């Protein structure tokens, strides 16, 4: 067998073994739901400060104390509600295709877009 044919066969054989099944994501188990529910309940008040901080950075202090307080309070209620639902339903099995992750924004989304390069480095060189 030619070396090129052997190399091609090895590459194709390796590719067929290396493929992954991404059609079925992992389902949450009891510990995932219970942990997420307890964390949502425990850290819900932080949403007030996060909303006020991000709006202060984007729109100023007046908007932060008015709109940020209302937005943060609504997110606290939402987080506590989802936390209670997760804790209460954690012993129950999750049906196929059901996910609660789409109901709330991820914790790392602070709505602040960082400029690149930073403002103090624009005319650096």
PDB file of N, CA and C in Angstrom:
ATOM      1  N   UNK A   1       0.852  -1.175   0.000  1.00  0.00           N
ATOM      2  CA  UNK A   1       0.000   0.000   0.000  1.00  0.00           C
ATOM      3  C   UNK A   1       0.901   1.242   0.000  1.00  0.00           C
ATOM      4  N   UNK A   2       0.530   2.222  -0.777  1.00  0.00           N
ATOM      5  CA  UNK A   2       1.311   3.444  -0.857  1.00  0.00           C
ATOM      6  C   UNK A   2       1.252   4.191   0.473  1.00  0.00           C
ATOM      7  N   UNK A   3       2.291   4.923   0.821  1.00  0.00           N
ATOM      8  CA  UNK A   3       2.284   5.661   2.096  1.00  0.00           C
ATOM      9  C   UNK A   3       1.195   6.735   2.142  1.00  0.00           C
ATOM     10  N   UNK A   4       0.885   7.355   0.991  1.00  0.00           N
ATOM     11  CA  UNK A   4      -0.148   8.373   0.979  1.00  0.00           C
ATOM     12  C   UNK A   4      -1.519   7.753   1.236  1.00  0.00           C
ATOM     13  N   UNK A   5      -1.768   6.596   0.666  1.00  0.00           N
ATOM     14  CA  UNK A   5      -3.040   5.916   0.868  1.00  0.00           C
ATOM     15  C   UNK A   5      -3.182   5.455   2.307  1.00  0.00           C
ATOM     16  N   UNK A   6      -2.082   4.952   2.867  1.00  0.00           N
ATOM     17  CA  UNK A   6      -2.108   4.525   4.263  1.00  0.00           C
ATOM     18  C   UNK A   6      -2.357   5.714   5.192  1.00  0.00           C
ATOM     19  N   UNK A   7      -1.706   6.840   4.926  1.00  0.00           N
ATOM     20  CA  UNK A   7      -1.904   8.037   5.745  1.00  0.00           C
ATOM     21  C   UNK A   7      -3.338   8.535   5.636  1.00  0.00           C
ATOM     22  N   UNK A   8      -3.890   8.515   4.428  1.00  0.00           N
ATOM     23  CA  UNK A   8      -5.277   8.940   4.240  1.00  0.00           C
ATOM     24  C   UNK A   8      -6.237   8.013   4.970  1.00  0.00           C
ATOM     25  N   UNK A   9      -5.991   6.715   4.912  1.00  0.00           N
ATOM     26  CA  UNK A   9      -6.847   5.757   5.614  1.00  0.00           C
ATOM     27  C   UNK A   9      -6.766   5.966   7.127  1.00  0.00           C
ATOM     28  N   UNK A  10      -5.569   6.237   7.643  1.00  0.00           N
ATOM     29  CA  UNK A  10      -5.426   6.482   9.077  1.00  0.00           C
ATOM     30  C   UNK A  10      -6.121   7.764   9.509  1.00  0.00           C
ATOM     31  N   UNK A  11      -6.034   8.805   8.690  1.00  0.00           N
ATOM     32  CA  UNK A  11      -6.698  10.069   9.022  1.00  0.00           C
ATOM     33  C   UNK A  11      -8.206   9.895   9.001  1.00  0.00           C
ATOM     34  N   UNK A  12      -8.732   9.256   7.980  1.00  0.00           N
ATOM     35  CA  UNK A  12     -10.178   9.036   7.904  1.00  0.00           C
ATOM     36  C   UNK A  12     -10.659   8.119   9.014  1.00  0.00           C
ATOM     37  N   UNK A  13      -9.879   7.102   9.328  1.00  0.00           N
ATOM     38  CA  UNK A  13     -10.242   6.223  10.435  1.00  0.00           C
ATOM     39  C   UNK A  13     -10.225   6.955  11.767  1.00  0.00           C
ATOM     40  N   UNK A  14      -9.268   7.840  11.951  1.00  0.00           N
ATOM     41  CA  UNK A  14      -9.202   8.629  13.185  1.00  0.00           C
ATOM     42  C   UNK A  14     -10.343   9.619  13.293  1.00  0.00           C
ATOM     43  N   UNK A  15     -10.751  10.179  12.157  1.00  0.00           N
ATOM     44  CA  UNK A  15     -11.865  11.122  12.175  1.00  0.00           C
ATOM     45  C   UNK A  15     -13.182  10.441  12.514  1.00  0.00           C
ATOM     46  N   UNK A  16     -13.364   9.221  12.049  1.00  0.00           N
ATOM     47  CA  UNK A  16     -14.613   8.532  12.375  1.00  0.00           C
ATOM     48  C   UNK A  16     -14.663   8.152  13.848  1.00  0.00           C
ATOM     49  N   UNK A  17     -13.520   7.904  14.455  1.00  0.00           N
ATOM     50  CA  UNK A  17     -13.508   7.579  15.879  1.00  0.00           C
ATOM     51  C   UNK A  17     -13.603   8.823  16.750  1.00  0.00           C
ATOM     52  N   UNK A  18     -13.185   9.972  16.236  1.00  0.00           N
ATOM     53  CA  UNK A  18     -13.128  11.185  17.045  1.00  0.00           C
ATOM     54  C   UNK A  18     -14.406  12.003  17.014  1.00  0.00           C
ATOM     55  N   UNK A  19     -15.380  11.617  16.244  1.00  0.00           N
ATOM     56  CA  UNK A  19     -16.598  12.418  16.178  1.00  0.00           C
ATOM     57  C   UNK A  19     -17.390  12.273  17.472  1.00  0.00           C
ATOM     58  N   UNK A  20     -18.085  13.317  17.834  1.00  0.00           N
ATOM     59  CA  UNK A  20     -18.839  13.322  19.088  1.00  0.00           C
ATOM     60  C   UNK A  20     -20.322  13.468  18.792  1.00  0.00           C
ATOM     61  N   UNK A  21     -21.138  12.916  19.658  1.00  0.00           N
ATOM     62  CA  UNK A  21     -22.583  13.045  19.511  1.00  0.00           C
ATOM     63  C   UNK A  21     -23.024  14.288  20.271  1.00  0.00           C
ATOM     64  N   UNK A  22     -23.268  15.378  19.544  1.00  0.00           N
ATOM     65  CA  UNK A  22     -23.667  16.622  20.192  1.00  0.00           C
ATOM     66  C   UNK A  22     -25.167  16.854  20.092  1.00  0.00           C
ATOM     67  N   UNK A  23     -25.899  15.866  19.616  1.00  0.00           N
ATOM     68  CA  UNK A  23     -27.332  16.052  19.453  1.00  0.00           C
ATOM     69  C   UNK A  23     -28.088  15.941  20.769  1.00  0.00           C
ATOM     70  N   UNK A  24     -27.545  15.262  21.763  1.00  0.00           N
ATOM     71  CA  UNK A  24     -28.214  15.082  23.045  1.00  0.00           C
ATOM     72  C   UNK A  24     -27.373  15.698  24.161  1.00  0.00           C
ATOM     73  N   UNK A  25     -27.701  16.892  24.607  1.00  0.00           N
ATOM     74  CA  UNK A  25     -26.932  17.482  25.700  1.00  0.00           C
ATOM     75  C   UNK A  25     -27.198  16.725  27.008  1.00  0.00           C
ATOM     76  N   UNK A  26     -26.292  16.877  27.946  1.00  0.00           N
ATOM     77  CA  UNK A  26     -26.463  16.223  29.236  1.00  0.00           C
ATOM     78  C   UNK A  26     -27.663  16.799  29.966  1.00  0.00           C
ATOM     79  N   UNK A  27     -28.436  15.915  30.591  1.00  0.00           N
ATOM     80  CA  UNK A  27     -29.592  16.368  31.351  1.00  0.00           C
ATOM     81  C   UNK A  27     -29.160  16.712  32.772  1.00  0.00           C
ATOM     82  N   UNK A  28     -29.859  17.659  33.365  1.00  0.00           N
ATOM     83  CA  UNK A  28     -29.596  17.993  34.755  1.00  0.00           C
ATOM     84  C   UNK A  28     -30.010  16.838  35.637  1.00  0.00           C
ATOM     85  N   UNK A  29     -29.251  16.632  36.699  1.00  0.00           N
ATOM     86  CA  UNK A  29     -29.640  15.613  37.658  1.00  0.00           C
ATOM     87  C   UNK A  29     -30.103  16.306  38.944  1.00  0.00           C
ATOM     88  N   UNK A  30     -30.361  15.522  39.966  1.00  0.00           N
ATOM     89  CA  UNK A  30     -30.868  16.047  41.237  1.00  0.00           C
ATOM     90  C   UNK A  30     -29.937  17.108  41.813  1.00  0.00           C
ATOM     91  N   UNK A  31     -28.650  16.833  41.807  1.00  0.00           N
ATOM     92  CA  UNK A  31     -27.683  17.738  42.425  1.00  0.00           C
ATOM     93  C   UNK A  31     -27.565  19.048  41.659  1.00  0.00           C
ATOM     94  N   UNK A  32     -27.651  18.986  40.335  1.00  0.00           N
ATOM     95  CA  UNK A  32     -27.590  20.215  39.537  1.00  0.00           C
ATOM     96  C   UNK A  32     -28.767  21.127  39.848  1.00  0.00           C
ATOM     97  N   UNK A  33     -29.970  20.551  39.858  1.00  0.00           N
ATOM     98  CA  UNK A  33     -31.162  21.360  40.112  1.00  0.00           C
ATOM     99  C   UNK A  33     -31.190  21.890  41.541  1.00  0.00           C
ATOM    100  N   UNK A  34     -30.837  21.047  42.518  1.00  0.00           N
ATOM    101  CA  UNK A  34     -30.841  21.494  43.903  1.00  0.00           C
ATOM    102  C   UNK A  34     -29.793  22.586  44.130  1.00  0.00           C
ATOM    103  N   UNK A  35     -28.609  22.393  43.597  1.00  0.00           N
ATOM    104  CA  UNK A  35     -27.550  23.398  43.743  1.00  0.00           C
ATOM    105  C   UNK A  35     -27.902  24.712  43.074  1.00  0.00           C
ATOM    106  N   UNK A  36     -28.463  24.642  41.869  1.00  0.00           N
ATOM    107  CA  UNK A  36     -28.851  25.862  41.166  1.00  0.00           C
ATOM    108  C   UNK A  36     -29.969  26.579  41.901  1.00  0.00           C
ATOM    109  N   UNK A  37     -30.925  25.816  42.466  1.00  0.00           N
ATOM    110  CA  UNK A  37     -32.025  26.428  43.209  1.00  0.00           C
ATOM    111  C   UNK A  37     -31.553  27.113  44.477  1.00  0.00           C
ATOM    112  N   UNK A  38     -30.683  26.463  45.233  1.00  0.00           N
ATOM    113  CA  UNK A  38     -30.162  27.069  46.464  1.00  0.00           C
ATOM    114  C   UNK A  38     -29.325  28.301  46.138  1.00  0.00           C
ATOM    115  N   UNK A  39     -28.520  28.220  45.081  1.00  0.00           N
ATOM    116  CA  UNK A  39     -27.711  29.379  44.687  1.00  0.00           C
ATOM    117  C   UNK A  39     -28.588  30.539  44.226  1.00  0.00           C
ATOM    118  N   UNK A  40     -29.660  30.259  43.494  1.00  0.00           N
ATOM    119  CA  UNK A  40     -30.567  31.327  43.065  1.00  0.00           C
ATOM    120  C   UNK A  40     -31.226  32.003  44.258  1.00  0.00           C
ATOM    121  N   UNK A  41     -31.624  31.227  45.245  1.00  0.00           N
ATOM    122  CA  UNK A  41     -32.264  31.813  46.425  1.00  0.00           C
ATOM    123  C   UNK A  41     -31.255  32.605  47.251  1.00  0.00           C
ATOM    124  N   UNK A  42     -30.067  32.045  47.437  1.00  0.00           N
ATOM    125  CA  UNK A  42     -29.074  32.681  48.307  1.00  0.00           C
ATOM    126  C   UNK A  42     -28.497  33.965  47.703  1.00  0.00           C
ATOM    127  N   UNK A  43     -28.246  33.960  46.403  1.00  0.00           N
ATOM    128  CA  UNK A  43     -27.574  35.100  45.777  1.00  0.00           C
ATOM    129  C   UNK A  43     -28.521  36.035  45.043  1.00  0.00           C
ATOM    130  N   UNK A  44     -29.814  35.865  45.208  1.00  0.00           N
ATOM    131  CA  UNK A  44     -30.777  36.728  44.520  1.00  0.00           C
ATOM    132  C   UNK A  44     -30.624  38.208  44.874  1.00  0.00           C
ATOM    133  N   UNK A  45     -30.391  38.594  46.138  1.00  0.00           N
ATOM    134  CA  UNK A  45     -30.256  40.031  46.425  1.00  0.00           C
ATOM    135  C   UNK A  45     -29.090  40.710  45.702  1.00  0.00           C
ATOM    136  N   UNK A  46     -28.119  39.951  45.254  1.00  0.00           N
ATOM    137  CA  UNK A  46     -26.998  40.549  44.520  1.00  0.00           C
ATOM    138  C   UNK A  46     -27.439  41.133  43.186  1.00  0.00           C
ATOM    139  N   UNK A  47     -28.588  40.718  42.677  1.00  0.00           N
ATOM    140  CA  UNK A  47     -29.083  41.251  41.407  1.00  0.00           C
ATOM    141  C   UNK A  47     -29.401  42.745  41.512  1.00  0.00           C
ATOM    142  N   UNK A  48     -29.807  43.201  42.691  1.00  0.00           N
ATOM    143  CA  UNK A  48     -30.083  44.638  42.865  1.00  0.00           C
ATOM    144  C   UNK A  48     -28.810  45.432  42.647  1.00  0.00           C
ATOM    145  N   UNK A  49     -27.731  44.997  43.307  1.00  0.00           N
ATOM    146  CA  UNK A  49     -26.462  45.720  43.181  1.00  0.00           C
ATOM    147  C   UNK A  49     -25.885  45.593  41.778  1.00  0.00           C
ATOM    148  N   UNK A  50     -26.043  44.428  41.152  1.00  0.00           N
ATOM    149  CA  UNK A  50     -25.527  44.237  39.800  1.00  0.00           C
ATOM    150  C   UNK A  50     -26.254  45.131  38.803  1.00  0.00           C
ATOM    151  N   UNK A  51     -27.579  45.197  38.921  1.00  0.00           N
ATOM    152  CA  UNK A  51     -28.343  46.044  38.004  1.00  0.00           C
ATOM    153  C   UNK A  51     -28.014  47.520  38.209  1.00  0.00           C
ATOM    154  N   UNK A  52     -27.921  47.928  39.467  1.00  0.00           N
ATOM    155  CA  UNK A  52     -27.612  49.331  39.737  1.00  0.00           C
ATOM    156  C   UNK A  52     -26.202  49.687  39.271  1.00  0.00           C
ATOM    157  N   UNK A  53     -25.254  48.790  39.467  1.00  0.00           N
ATOM    158  CA  UNK A  53     -23.874  49.059  39.044  1.00  0.00           C
ATOM    159  C   UNK A  53     -23.784  49.163  37.526  1.00  0.00           C
ATOM    160  N   UNK A  54     -24.390  48.207  36.815  1.00  0.00           N
ATOM    161  CA  UNK A  54     -24.278  48.226  35.360  1.00  0.00           C
ATOM    162  C   UNK A  54     -24.989  49.434  34.760  1.00  0.00           C
ATOM    163  N   UNK A  55     -26.132  49.803  35.311  1.00  0.00           N
ATOM    164  CA  UNK A  55     -26.818  50.993  34.786  1.00  0.00           C
ATOM    165  C   UNK A  55     -26.095  52.278  35.175  1.00  0.00           C
ATOM    166  N   UNK A  56     -25.423  52.286  36.305  1.00  0.00           N
ATOM    167  CA  UNK A  56     -24.615  53.447  36.674  1.00  0.00           C
ATOM    168  C   UNK A  56     -23.471  53.638  35.685  1.00  0.00           C
ATOM    169  N   UNK A  57     -22.868  52.533  35.256  1.00  0.00           N
ATOM    170  CA  UNK A  57     -21.778  52.618  34.290  1.00  0.00           C
ATOM    171  C   UNK A  57     -22.286  53.069  32.915  1.00  0.00           C
ATOM    172  N   UNK A  58     -23.486  52.626  32.548  1.00  0.00           N
ATOM    173  CA  UNK A  58     -23.990  52.915  31.208  1.00  0.00           C
ATOM    174  C   UNK A  58     -24.735  54.240  31.106  1.00  0.00           C
ATOM    175  N   UNK A  59     -25.579  54.538  32.113  1.00  0.00           N
ATOM    176  CA  UNK A  59     -26.496  55.668  31.954  1.00  0.00           C
ATOM    177  C   UNK A  59     -26.436  56.702  33.065  1.00  0.00           C
ATOM    178  N   UNK A  60     -25.674  56.458  34.121  1.00  0.00           N
ATOM    179  CA  UNK A  60     -25.530  57.465  35.155  1.00  0.00           C
ATOM    180  C   UNK A  60     -26.233  57.107  36.450  1.00  0.00           C
ATOM    181  N   UNK A  61     -25.960  57.902  37.498  1.00  0.00           N
ATOM    182  CA  UNK A  61     -26.466  57.562  38.829  1.00  0.00           C
ATOM    183  C   UNK A  61     -27.979  57.703  38.990  1.00  0.00           C
ATOM    184  N   UNK A  62     -28.595  58.659  38.320  1.00  0.00           N
ATOM    185  CA  UNK A  62     -30.036  58.831  38.477  1.00  0.00           C
ATOM    186  C   UNK A  62     -30.787  57.616  37.927  1.00  0.00           C
ATOM    187  N   UNK A  63     -30.388  57.164  36.769  1.00  0.00           N
ATOM    188  CA  UNK A  63     -31.012  55.984  36.183  1.00  0.00           C
ATOM    189  C   UNK A  63     -30.705  54.754  37.032  1.00  0.00           C
ATOM    190  N   UNK A  64     -29.499  54.690  37.589  1.00  0.00           N
ATOM    191  CA  UNK A  64     -29.125  53.540  38.406  1.00  0.00           C
ATOM    192  C   UNK A  64     -30.008  53.433  39.644  1.00  0.00           C
ATOM    193  N   UNK A  65     -30.301  54.561  40.288  1.00  0.00           N
ATOM    194  CA  UNK A  65     -31.108  54.516  41.510  1.00  0.00           C
ATOM    195  C   UNK A  65     -32.592  54.360  41.234  1.00  0.00           C
ATOM    196  N   UNK A  66     -33.037  54.696  40.044  1.00  0.00           N
ATOM    197  CA  UNK A  66     -34.463  54.518  39.746  1.00  0.00           C
ATOM    198  C   UNK A  66     -34.711  53.226  38.965  1.00  0.00           C
ATOM    199  N   UNK A  67     -34.267  53.192  37.737  1.00  0.00           N
ATOM    200  CA  UNK A  67     -34.486  52.019  36.894  1.00  0.00           C
ATOM    201  C   UNK A  67     -33.715  50.803  37.407  1.00  0.00           C
ATOM    202  N   UNK A  68     -32.512  51.015  37.895  1.00  0.00           N
ATOM    203  CA  UNK A  68     -31.705  49.904  38.394  1.00  0.00           C
ATOM    204  C   UNK A  68     -32.309  49.242  39.614  1.00  0.00           C
ATOM    205  N   UNK A  69     -32.895  50.059  40.492  1.00  0.00           N
ATOM    206  CA  UNK A  69     -33.536  49.499  41.687  1.00  0.00           C
ATOM    207  C   UNK A  69     -34.759  48.664  41.312  1.00  0.00           C
ATOM    208  N   UNK A  70     -35.560  49.169  40.380  1.00  0.00           N
ATOM    209  CA  UNK A  70     -36.752  48.428  39.942  1.00  0.00           C
ATOM    210  C   UNK A  70     -36.344  47.161  39.180  1.00  0.00           C
ATOM    211  N   UNK A  71     -35.388  47.283  38.272  1.00  0.00           N
ATOM    212  CA  UNK A  71     -34.935  46.133  37.493  1.00  0.00           C
ATOM    213  C   UNK A  71     -34.293  45.084  38.405  1.00  0.00           C
ATOM    214  N   UNK A  72     -33.489  45.510  39.349  1.00  0.00           N
ATOM    215  CA  UNK A  72     -32.862  44.578  40.277  1.00  0.00           C
ATOM    216  C   UNK A  72     -33.863  43.869  41.161  1.00  0.00           C
ATOM    217  N   UNK A  73     -34.869  44.609  41.631  1.00  0.00           N
ATOM    218  CA  UNK A  73     -35.899  43.996  42.464  1.00  0.00           C
ATOM    219  C   UNK A  73     -36.692  42.955  41.680  1.00  0.00           C
ATOM    220  N   UNK A  74     -37.005  43.249  40.436  1.00  0.00           N
ATOM    221  CA  UNK A  74     -37.736  42.264  39.633  1.00  0.00           C
ATOM    222  C   UNK A  74     -36.887  41.028  39.379  1.00  0.00           C
ATOM    223  N   UNK A  75     -35.591  41.204  39.198  1.00  0.00           N
ATOM    224  CA  UNK A  75     -34.722  40.046  39.009  1.00  0.00           C
ATOM    225  C   UNK A  75     -34.564  39.242  40.294  1.00  0.00           C
ATOM    226  N   UNK A  76     -34.622  39.905  41.452  1.00  0.00           N
ATOM    227  CA  UNK A  76     -34.577  39.185  42.727  1.00  0.00           C
ATOM    228  C   UNK A  76     -35.803  38.289  42.850  1.00  0.00           C
ATOM    229  N   UNK A  77     -36.964  38.833  42.544  1.00  0.00           N
ATOM    230  CA  UNK A  77     -38.200  38.049  42.615  1.00  0.00           C
ATOM    231  C   UNK A  77     -38.131  36.878  41.634  1.00  0.00           C
ATOM    232  N   UNK A  78     -37.630  37.127  40.438  1.00  0.00           N
ATOM    233  CA  UNK A  78     -37.504  36.085  39.430  1.00  0.00           C
ATOM    234  C   UNK A  78     -36.533  35.000  39.898  1.00  0.00           C
ATOM    235  N   UNK A  79     -35.383  35.376  40.426  1.00  0.00           N
ATOM    236  CA  UNK A  79     -34.402  34.393  40.882  1.00  0.00           C
ATOM    237  C   UNK A  79     -34.923  33.562  42.043  1.00  0.00           C
ATOM    238  N   UNK A  80     -35.591  34.204  42.981  1.00  0.00           N
ATOM    239  CA  UNK A  80     -36.133  33.458  44.110  1.00  0.00           C
ATOM    240  C   UNK A  80     -37.221  32.497  43.629  1.00  0.00           C
ATOM    241  N   UNK A  81     -38.072  32.947  42.720  1.00  0.00           N
ATOM    242  CA  UNK A  81     -39.105  32.064  42.183  1.00  0.00           C
ATOM    243  C   UNK A  81     -38.519  30.863  41.462  1.00  0.00           C
ATOM    244  N   UNK A  82     -37.527  31.096  40.603  1.00  0.00           N
ATOM    245  CA  UNK A  82     -36.897  29.982  39.904  1.00  0.00           C
ATOM    246  C   UNK A  82     -36.134  29.083  40.867  1.00  0.00           C
ATOM    247  N   UNK A  83     -35.546  29.662  41.908  1.00  0.00           N
ATOM    248  CA  UNK A  83     -34.856  28.852  42.905  1.00  0.00           C
ATOM    249  C   UNK A  83     -35.801  27.946  43.661  1.00  0.00           C
ATOM    250  N   UNK A  84     -36.952  28.476  44.027  1.00  0.00           N
ATOM    251  CA  UNK A  84     -37.949  27.660  44.733  1.00  0.00           C
ATOM    252  C   UNK A  84     -38.448  26.537  43.831  1.00  0.00           C
ATOM    253  N   UNK A  85     -38.679  26.855  42.563  1.00  0.00           N
ATOM    254  CA  UNK A  85     -39.130  25.824  41.617  1.00  0.00           C
ATOM    255  C   UNK A  85     -38.059  24.742  41.457  1.00  0.00           C
ATOM    256  N   UNK A  86     -36.796  25.141  41.332  1.00  0.00           N
ATOM    257  CA  UNK A  86     -35.724  24.156  41.188  1.00  0.00           C
ATOM    258  C   UNK A  86     -35.584  23.279  42.418  1.00  0.00           C
ATOM    259  N   UNK A  87     -35.656  23.879  43.617  1.00  0.00           N
ATOM    260  CA  UNK A  87     -35.535  23.090  44.843  1.00  0.00           C
ATOM    261  C   UNK A  87     -36.733  22.160  44.989  1.00  0.00           C
ATOM    262  N   UNK A  88     -37.917  22.652  44.696  1.00  0.00           N
ATOM    263  CA  UNK A  88     -39.118  21.841  44.874  1.00  0.00           C
ATOM    264  C   UNK A  88     -39.189  20.692  43.868  1.00  0.00           C
ATOM    265  N   UNK A  89     -38.693  20.910  42.665  1.00  0.00           N
ATOM    266  CA  UNK A  89     -38.792  19.867  41.639  1.00  0.00           C
ATOM    267  C   UNK A  89     -37.502  19.080  41.459  1.00  0.00           C
ATOM    268  N   UNK A  90     -36.515  19.292  42.308  1.00  0.00           N
ATOM    269  CA  UNK A  90     -35.254  18.574  42.134  1.00  0.00           C
ATOM    270  C   UNK A  90     -35.387  17.062  42.291  1.00  0.00           C
ATOM    271  N   UNK A  91     -36.281  16.545  43.142  1.00  0.00           N
ATOM    272  CA  UNK A  91     -36.409  15.077  43.195  1.00  0.00           C
ATOM    273  C   UNK A  91     -37.124  14.489  41.985  1.00  0.00           C
ATOM    274  N   UNK A  92     -37.815  15.304  41.229  1.00  0.00           N
ATOM    275  CA  UNK A  92     -38.584  14.801  40.086  1.00  0.00           C
ATOM    276  C   UNK A  92     -37.681  14.671  38.865  1.00  0.00           C
ATOM    277  N   UNK A  93     -37.912  13.672  38.035  1.00  0.00           N
ATOM    278  CA  UNK A  93     -37.094  13.536  36.826  1.00  0.00           C
ATOM    279  C   UNK A  93     -37.437  14.629  35.815  1.00  0.00           C
ATOM    280  N   UNK A  94     -36.460  14.982  35.017  1.00  0.00           N
ATOM    281  CA  UNK A  94     -36.641  16.010  33.993  1.00  0.00           C
ATOM    282  C   UNK A  94     -36.967  15.325  32.682  1.00  0.00           C
ATOM    283  N   UNK A  95     -37.987  15.810  32.007  1.00  0.00           N
ATOM    284  CA  UNK A  95     -38.386  15.233  30.735  1.00  0.00           C
ATOM    285  C   UNK A  95     -37.386  15.550  29.637  1.00  0.00           C
ATOM    286  N   UNK A  96     -37.475  14.874  28.511  1.00  0.00           N
ATOM    287  CA  UNK A  96     -36.538  15.136  27.412  1.00  0.00           C
ATOM    288  C   UNK A  96     -36.761  16.517  26.806  1.00  0.00           C
ATOM    289  N   UNK A  97     -35.673  17.217  26.590  1.00  0.00           N
ATOM    290  CA  UNK A  97     -35.744  18.524  25.961  1.00  0.00           C
ATOM    291  C   UNK A  97     -36.171  19.658  26.873  1.00  0.00           C
ATOM    292  N   UNK A  98     -36.296  19.436  28.176  1.00  0.00           N
ATOM    293  CA  UNK A  98     -36.722  20.475  29.101  1.00  0.00           C
ATOM    294  C   UNK A  98     -35.491  21.080  29.754  1.00  0.00           C
ATOM    295  N   UNK A  99     -35.395  22.393  29.721  1.00  0.00           N
ATOM    296  CA  UNK A  99     -34.281  23.082  30.360  1.00  0.00           C
ATOM    297  C   UNK A  99     -34.787  24.382  30.946  1.00  0.00           C
ATOM    298  N   UNK A 100     -34.346  24.702  32.147  1.00  0.00           N
ATOM    299  CA  UNK A 100     -34.750  25.939  32.805  1.00  0.00           C
ATOM    300  C   UNK A 100     -33.721  27.040  32.605  1.00  0.00           C
ATOM    301  N   UNK A 101     -32.661  26.787  31.858  1.00  0.00           N
ATOM    302  CA  UNK A 101     -31.599  27.764  31.711  1.00  0.00           C
ATOM    303  C   UNK A 101     -32.026  28.975  30.886  1.00  0.00           C
ATOM    304  N   UNK A 102     -33.041  28.852  30.056  1.00  0.00           N
ATOM    305  CA  UNK A 102     -33.440  29.963  29.203  1.00  0.00           C
ATOM    306  C   UNK A 102     -34.274  31.011  29.902  1.00  0.00           C
ATOM    307  N   UNK A 103     -34.653  30.785  31.148  1.00  0.00           N
ATOM    308  CA  UNK A 103     -35.531  31.712  31.843  1.00  0.00           C
ATOM    309  C   UNK A 103     -34.808  32.931  32.399  1.00  0.00           C
ATOM    310  N   UNK A 104     -33.525  32.843  32.649  1.00  0.00           N
ATOM    311  CA  UNK A 104     -32.827  33.972  33.241  1.00  0.00           C
ATOM    312  C   UNK A 104     -31.498  34.194  32.547  1.00  0.00           C
ATOM    313  N   UNK A 105     -30.985  35.391  32.699  1.00  0.00           N
ATOM    314  CA  UNK A 105     -29.701  35.705  32.109  1.00  0.00           C
ATOM    315  C   UNK A 105     -28.606  35.022  32.907  1.00  0.00           C
ATOM    316  N   UNK A 106     -27.498  34.669  32.252  1.00  0.00           N
ATOM    317  CA  UNK A 106     -26.406  34.073  33.009  1.00  0.00           C
ATOM    318  C   UNK A 106     -25.818  35.070  34.001  1.00  0.00           C
ATOM    319  N   UNK A 107     -25.233  34.569  35.068  1.00  0.00           N
ATOM    320  CA  UNK A 107     -24.734  35.430  36.131  1.00  0.00           C
ATOM    321  C   UNK A 107     -23.578  36.307  35.675  1.00  0.00           C
ATOM    322  N   UNK A 108     -22.835  35.881  34.672  1.00  0.00           N
ATOM    323  CA  UNK A 108     -21.676  36.645  34.239  1.00  0.00           C
ATOM    324  C   UNK A 108     -22.022  37.747  33.254  1.00  0.00           C
ATOM    325  N   UNK A 109     -23.270  37.900  32.848  1.00  0.00           N
ATOM    326  CA  UNK A 109     -23.662  38.925  31.894  1.00  0.00           C
ATOM    327  C   UNK A 109     -23.941  40.219  32.646  1.00  0.00           C
ATOM    328  N   UNK A 110     -22.998  41.142  32.607  1.00  0.00           N
ATOM    329  CA  UNK A 110     -23.168  42.392  33.339  1.00  0.00           C
ATOM    330  C   UNK A 110     -23.636  43.533  32.442  1.00  0.00           C
ATOM    331  N   UNK A 111     -23.923  43.266  31.195  1.00  0.00           N
ATOM    332  CA  UNK A 111     -24.412  44.244  30.223  1.00  0.00           C
ATOM    333  C   UNK A 111     -23.393  45.337  29.915  1.00  0.00           C
ATOM    334  N   UNK A 112     -22.149  45.206  30.342  1.00  0.00           N
ATOM    335  CA  UNK A 112     -21.132  46.211  30.085  1.00  0.00           C
ATOM    336  C   UNK A 112     -20.248  45.713  28.952  1.00  0.00           C
ATOM    337  N   UNK A 113     -20.149  46.492  27.905  1.00  0.00           N
ATOM    338  CA  UNK A 113     -19.302  46.137  26.778  1.00  0.00           C
ATOM    339  C   UNK A 113     -17.975  46.852  26.966  1.00  0.00           C
ATOM    340  N   UNK A 114     -16.913  46.083  27.061  1.00  0.00           N
ATOM    341  CA  UNK A 114     -15.588  46.662  27.254  1.00  0.00           C
ATOM    342  C   UNK A 114     -15.019  47.086  25.900  1.00  0.00           C
ATOM    343  N   UNK A 115     -14.534  48.301  25.842  1.00  0.00           N
ATOM    344  CA  UNK A 115     -13.902  48.784  24.620  1.00  0.00           C
ATOM    345  C   UNK A 115     -12.531  48.141  24.457  1.00  0.00           C
ATOM    346  N   UNK A 116     -12.158  47.876  23.210  1.00  0.00           N
ATOM    347  CA  UNK A 116     -10.817  47.401  22.941  1.00  0.00           C
ATOM    348  C   UNK A 116     -10.204  48.252  21.874  1.00  0.00           C
ATOM    349  N   UNK A 117      -9.076  48.823  22.056  1.00  0.00           N
ATOM    350  CA  UNK A 117      -8.283  48.820  23.286  1.00  0.00           C
ATOM    351  C   UNK A 117      -8.908  49.738  24.324  1.00  0.00           C
ATOM    352  N   UNK A 118      -8.524  49.572  25.595  1.00  0.00           N
ATOM    353  CA  UNK A 118      -9.060  50.447  26.635  1.00  0.00           C
ATOM    354  C   UNK A 118      -8.739  51.905  26.352  1.00  0.00           C
ATOM    355  N   UNK A 119      -9.529  52.796  26.914  1.00  0.00           N
ATOM    356  CA  UNK A 119      -9.396  54.221  26.624  1.00  0.00           C
ATOM    357  C   UNK A 119      -8.025  54.793  26.916  1.00  0.00           C
ATOM    358  N   UNK A 120      -7.350  54.290  27.953  1.00  0.00           N
ATOM    359  CA  UNK A 120      -6.037  54.837  28.283  1.00  0.00           C
ATOM    360  C   UNK A 120      -4.924  54.304  27.384  1.00  0.00           C
ATOM    361  N   UNK A 121      -5.208  53.335  26.522  1.00  0.00           N
ATOM    362  CA  UNK A 121      -4.196  52.799  25.634  1.00  0.00           C
ATOM    363  C   UNK A 121      -4.439  53.124  24.169  1.00  0.00           C
ATOM    364  N   UNK A 122      -5.412  53.980  23.866  1.00  0.00           N
ATOM    365  CA  UNK A 122      -5.728  54.277  22.464  1.00  0.00           C
ATOM    366  C   UNK A 122      -4.548  54.945  21.765  1.00  0.00           C
ATOM    367  N   UNK A 123      -3.950  55.937  22.387  1.00  0.00           N
ATOM    368  CA  UNK A 123      -2.809  56.647  21.787  1.00  0.00           C
ATOM    369  C   UNK A 123      -1.512  56.287  22.514  1.00  0.00           C
ATOM    370  N   UNK A 124      -1.361  55.038  22.869  1.00  0.00           N
ATOM    371  CA  UNK A 124      -0.226  54.636  23.674  1.00  0.00           C
ATOM    372  C   UNK A 124       1.087  54.673  22.903  1.00  0.00           C
ATOM    373  N   UNK A 125       1.071  54.273  21.641  1.00  0.00           N
ATOM    374  CA  UNK A 125       2.314  54.193  20.894  1.00  0.00           C
ATOM    375  C   UNK A 125       2.455  55.274  19.877  1.00  0.00           C
TER     376      UNK A 125
END
